[in-house]
N, C-alpha and C. Protein backbone atom coordinates (compact mmCIF):
# COMPACT_ATOMS: atom_id res chain seq x y z
N MET A 1 0.86 -1.17 -0.01
CA MET A 1 0.01 0.00 0.00
C MET A 1 0.90 1.21 0.00
N THR A 2 0.63 2.15 -0.88
CA THR A 2 1.44 3.35 -1.00
C THR A 2 0.66 4.54 -0.43
N ILE A 3 1.35 5.30 0.42
CA ILE A 3 0.77 6.49 0.98
C ILE A 3 1.25 7.68 0.16
N ARG A 4 0.35 8.46 -0.34
CA ARG A 4 0.69 9.61 -1.20
C ARG A 4 0.93 10.81 -0.31
N THR A 5 1.98 11.53 -0.66
CA THR A 5 2.28 12.80 0.03
C THR A 5 2.36 13.87 -1.04
N ASN A 6 2.34 15.09 -0.58
CA ASN A 6 2.41 16.21 -1.48
C ASN A 6 3.85 16.66 -1.71
N GLN A 7 4.78 15.86 -1.31
CA GLN A 7 6.20 16.24 -1.48
C GLN A 7 6.60 16.12 -2.95
N LYS A 8 7.37 17.08 -3.41
CA LYS A 8 7.84 17.07 -4.76
C LYS A 8 9.18 16.38 -4.84
N TYR A 9 9.37 15.53 -5.86
CA TYR A 9 10.61 14.81 -6.02
C TYR A 9 11.27 15.35 -7.28
N THR A 10 12.59 15.56 -7.19
CA THR A 10 13.36 15.93 -8.36
C THR A 10 14.04 14.74 -9.02
N LEU A 11 14.55 14.93 -10.17
CA LEU A 11 15.29 13.83 -10.83
C LEU A 11 16.50 13.39 -10.01
N GLU A 12 17.12 14.35 -9.34
CA GLU A 12 18.30 14.03 -8.52
C GLU A 12 17.90 13.18 -7.32
N ASP A 13 16.74 13.47 -6.73
CA ASP A 13 16.25 12.65 -5.63
C ASP A 13 15.97 11.22 -6.10
N ILE A 14 15.35 11.14 -7.24
CA ILE A 14 14.98 9.80 -7.75
C ILE A 14 16.25 9.01 -8.10
N SER A 15 17.22 9.66 -8.74
CA SER A 15 18.46 8.94 -9.09
C SER A 15 19.26 8.53 -7.88
N GLN A 16 19.26 9.40 -6.86
CA GLN A 16 19.96 9.07 -5.60
C GLN A 16 19.27 7.89 -4.91
N ARG A 17 17.94 7.87 -4.87
CA ARG A 17 17.19 6.77 -4.26
C ARG A 17 17.40 5.46 -5.04
N LYS A 18 17.49 5.60 -6.38
CA LYS A 18 17.77 4.43 -7.19
C LYS A 18 19.11 3.82 -6.86
N GLN A 19 20.13 4.67 -6.70
CA GLN A 19 21.44 4.19 -6.34
C GLN A 19 21.45 3.52 -4.98
N GLU A 20 20.70 4.07 -4.02
CA GLU A 20 20.62 3.47 -2.70
C GLU A 20 19.96 2.08 -2.78
N VAL A 21 18.89 2.00 -3.55
CA VAL A 21 18.17 0.73 -3.67
C VAL A 21 19.04 -0.30 -4.37
N LEU A 22 19.77 0.10 -5.43
CA LEU A 22 20.66 -0.83 -6.13
C LEU A 22 21.77 -1.31 -5.21
N GLN A 23 22.28 -0.44 -4.35
CA GLN A 23 23.32 -0.82 -3.40
C GLN A 23 22.76 -1.83 -2.38
N ASP A 24 21.53 -1.58 -1.92
CA ASP A 24 20.88 -2.55 -0.99
C ASP A 24 20.67 -3.88 -1.68
N ILE A 25 20.22 -3.87 -2.93
CA ILE A 25 20.02 -5.12 -3.65
C ILE A 25 21.34 -5.87 -3.78
N HIS A 26 22.40 -5.16 -4.14
CA HIS A 26 23.73 -5.77 -4.29
C HIS A 26 24.19 -6.40 -2.97
N THR A 27 24.01 -5.69 -1.84
CA THR A 27 24.40 -6.19 -0.56
C THR A 27 23.57 -7.45 -0.19
N GLN A 28 22.27 -7.43 -0.43
CA GLN A 28 21.44 -8.57 -0.12
C GLN A 28 21.82 -9.76 -1.01
N HIS A 29 22.14 -9.52 -2.26
CA HIS A 29 22.58 -10.58 -3.17
C HIS A 29 23.82 -11.24 -2.64
N GLN A 30 24.79 -10.46 -2.14
CA GLN A 30 26.03 -11.03 -1.60
C GLN A 30 25.74 -11.86 -0.36
N VAL A 31 24.85 -11.39 0.49
CA VAL A 31 24.51 -12.14 1.70
C VAL A 31 23.86 -13.47 1.33
N ILE A 32 22.89 -13.41 0.43
CA ILE A 32 22.18 -14.64 -0.01
C ILE A 32 23.15 -15.61 -0.66
N THR A 33 24.07 -15.10 -1.48
CA THR A 33 25.03 -15.99 -2.13
C THR A 33 25.94 -16.66 -1.09
N GLY A 34 26.38 -15.90 -0.12
CA GLY A 34 27.25 -16.45 0.94
C GLY A 34 26.54 -17.52 1.72
N ILE A 35 25.30 -17.26 2.09
CA ILE A 35 24.52 -18.26 2.88
C ILE A 35 24.28 -19.51 2.06
N SER A 36 23.92 -19.36 0.77
CA SER A 36 23.66 -20.51 -0.05
C SER A 36 24.95 -21.34 -0.26
N GLN A 37 26.05 -20.66 -0.39
CA GLN A 37 27.31 -21.41 -0.52
C GLN A 37 27.65 -22.18 0.73
N GLU A 38 27.34 -21.63 1.89
CA GLU A 38 27.57 -22.34 3.16
C GLU A 38 26.66 -23.53 3.26
N ILE A 39 25.42 -23.39 2.83
CA ILE A 39 24.46 -24.49 2.97
C ILE A 39 24.77 -25.62 1.98
N PHE A 40 25.05 -25.28 0.76
CA PHE A 40 25.23 -26.32 -0.26
C PHE A 40 26.69 -26.69 -0.50
N ALA A 41 27.61 -26.25 0.33
CA ALA A 41 29.02 -26.60 0.17
C ALA A 41 29.23 -28.07 0.48
N PRO A 42 30.05 -28.75 -0.28
CA PRO A 42 30.34 -30.15 0.03
C PRO A 42 31.12 -30.28 1.34
N PHE A 43 31.03 -31.43 1.89
CA PHE A 43 31.75 -31.68 3.14
C PHE A 43 33.25 -31.55 2.92
N LEU A 44 33.91 -30.80 3.76
CA LEU A 44 35.33 -30.64 3.63
C LEU A 44 36.03 -31.65 4.54
N PRO A 45 37.01 -32.30 4.05
CA PRO A 45 37.73 -33.28 4.91
C PRO A 45 38.40 -32.55 6.07
N SER A 46 38.39 -33.17 7.26
CA SER A 46 38.98 -32.54 8.42
C SER A 46 40.52 -32.66 8.42
N SER A 47 41.00 -33.60 7.68
CA SER A 47 42.47 -33.75 7.60
C SER A 47 42.85 -34.27 6.22
N ASN A 48 44.15 -34.26 6.00
CA ASN A 48 44.65 -34.73 4.71
C ASN A 48 45.09 -36.19 4.73
N GLN A 49 44.52 -36.97 5.64
CA GLN A 49 44.86 -38.36 5.75
C GLN A 49 44.14 -39.15 4.64
N GLY A 50 44.59 -40.36 4.42
CA GLY A 50 44.03 -41.20 3.36
C GLY A 50 42.63 -41.68 3.64
N HIS A 51 42.22 -41.78 4.86
CA HIS A 51 40.88 -42.26 5.14
C HIS A 51 39.80 -41.22 4.89
N SER A 52 40.19 -39.93 4.73
CA SER A 52 39.19 -38.89 4.50
C SER A 52 38.52 -39.06 3.13
N SER A 53 39.30 -39.54 2.13
CA SER A 53 38.73 -39.76 0.83
C SER A 53 37.76 -40.94 0.88
N LEU A 54 38.02 -41.95 1.71
CA LEU A 54 37.14 -43.07 1.89
C LEU A 54 35.83 -42.61 2.52
N ILE A 55 35.93 -41.79 3.49
CA ILE A 55 34.72 -41.23 4.17
C ILE A 55 33.91 -40.39 3.20
N LYS A 56 34.63 -39.59 2.37
CA LYS A 56 33.93 -38.75 1.42
C LYS A 56 33.19 -39.60 0.41
N LYS A 57 33.81 -40.69 -0.03
CA LYS A 57 33.13 -41.61 -0.95
C LYS A 57 31.92 -42.30 -0.29
N PHE A 58 32.06 -42.63 0.98
CA PHE A 58 30.93 -43.23 1.74
C PHE A 58 29.76 -42.24 1.81
N TYR A 59 30.06 -41.01 2.15
CA TYR A 59 28.98 -40.00 2.22
C TYR A 59 28.32 -39.80 0.87
N MET A 60 29.12 -39.79 -0.18
CA MET A 60 28.58 -39.60 -1.53
C MET A 60 27.69 -40.77 -1.89
N GLY A 61 28.14 -41.96 -1.58
CA GLY A 61 27.32 -43.17 -1.82
C GLY A 61 26.01 -43.13 -1.06
N MET A 62 26.08 -42.75 0.20
CA MET A 62 24.87 -42.66 1.00
C MET A 62 23.89 -41.60 0.46
N ALA A 63 24.42 -40.49 -0.02
CA ALA A 63 23.60 -39.44 -0.55
C ALA A 63 22.90 -39.92 -1.85
N ILE A 64 23.62 -40.65 -2.68
CA ILE A 64 23.04 -41.20 -3.88
C ILE A 64 21.99 -42.20 -3.57
N PHE A 65 22.26 -43.08 -2.61
CA PHE A 65 21.26 -44.08 -2.18
C PHE A 65 20.01 -43.44 -1.61
N ASP A 66 20.21 -42.40 -0.79
CA ASP A 66 19.09 -41.71 -0.20
C ASP A 66 18.26 -41.01 -1.31
N GLY A 67 18.91 -40.44 -2.27
CA GLY A 67 18.22 -39.81 -3.39
C GLY A 67 17.37 -40.81 -4.18
N ILE A 68 17.95 -41.96 -4.43
CA ILE A 68 17.21 -43.01 -5.17
C ILE A 68 16.02 -43.48 -4.34
N MET A 69 16.17 -43.65 -3.05
CA MET A 69 15.06 -44.11 -2.20
C MET A 69 13.94 -43.08 -2.15
N VAL A 70 14.30 -41.83 -2.02
CA VAL A 70 13.27 -40.78 -2.00
C VAL A 70 12.59 -40.70 -3.38
N GLY A 71 13.32 -40.85 -4.45
CA GLY A 71 12.72 -40.84 -5.77
C GLY A 71 11.75 -42.01 -5.96
N MET A 72 12.11 -43.18 -5.48
CA MET A 72 11.24 -44.34 -5.61
C MET A 72 9.96 -44.12 -4.80
N LYS A 73 10.07 -43.58 -3.60
CA LYS A 73 8.86 -43.33 -2.78
C LYS A 73 7.97 -42.32 -3.44
N LEU A 74 8.55 -41.25 -3.98
CA LEU A 74 7.73 -40.24 -4.71
C LEU A 74 7.07 -40.87 -5.92
N PHE A 75 7.78 -41.67 -6.66
CA PHE A 75 7.22 -42.31 -7.82
C PHE A 75 6.04 -43.18 -7.46
N LYS A 76 6.17 -43.97 -6.35
CA LYS A 76 5.08 -44.83 -5.94
C LYS A 76 3.87 -44.02 -5.50
N SER A 77 4.10 -42.95 -4.75
CA SER A 77 2.97 -42.15 -4.29
C SER A 77 2.25 -41.45 -5.44
N ILE A 78 3.01 -40.95 -6.42
CA ILE A 78 2.38 -40.34 -7.61
C ILE A 78 1.63 -41.38 -8.42
N ARG A 79 2.19 -42.54 -8.51
CA ARG A 79 1.53 -43.64 -9.25
C ARG A 79 0.22 -44.01 -8.62
N LYS A 80 0.19 -44.07 -7.25
CA LYS A 80 -1.04 -44.40 -6.54
C LYS A 80 -2.08 -43.36 -6.80
N ILE A 81 -1.71 -42.09 -6.88
CA ILE A 81 -2.69 -41.02 -7.10
C ILE A 81 -3.32 -41.19 -8.46
N PHE A 82 -2.58 -41.53 -9.48
CA PHE A 82 -3.11 -41.67 -10.83
C PHE A 82 -3.90 -42.97 -10.99
N LEU A 83 -3.56 -44.00 -10.19
CA LEU A 83 -4.32 -45.23 -10.30
C LEU A 83 -5.68 -45.11 -9.64
N ARG A 84 -5.81 -44.22 -8.66
CA ARG A 84 -7.09 -44.01 -7.99
C ARG A 84 -8.10 -43.31 -8.92
N ASN A 85 -7.61 -42.54 -9.81
CA ASN A 85 -8.49 -41.79 -10.74
C ASN A 85 -9.14 -42.66 -11.80
N ARG A 86 -8.65 -43.84 -11.99
CA ARG A 86 -9.23 -44.70 -13.04
C ARG A 86 -10.47 -45.36 -12.60
């Protein structure tokens, strides 16, 4: 909802406000990008030992397995929905 005022705006005021808003958008974009990189960053090994690559492979395998299981469950539930309509 916009509240109207009788204040007059000049082109300089509008361009200054535009720059402020663009700066705010740029700052928010950087914050969102940083947060998303933290959330979706892969697991970093805690040390440079040989077993860290084994653990990384295990996590990757479990993630793939979990993804396949979730996909199968979704497929079954969607399939049940369409079979009920017949």
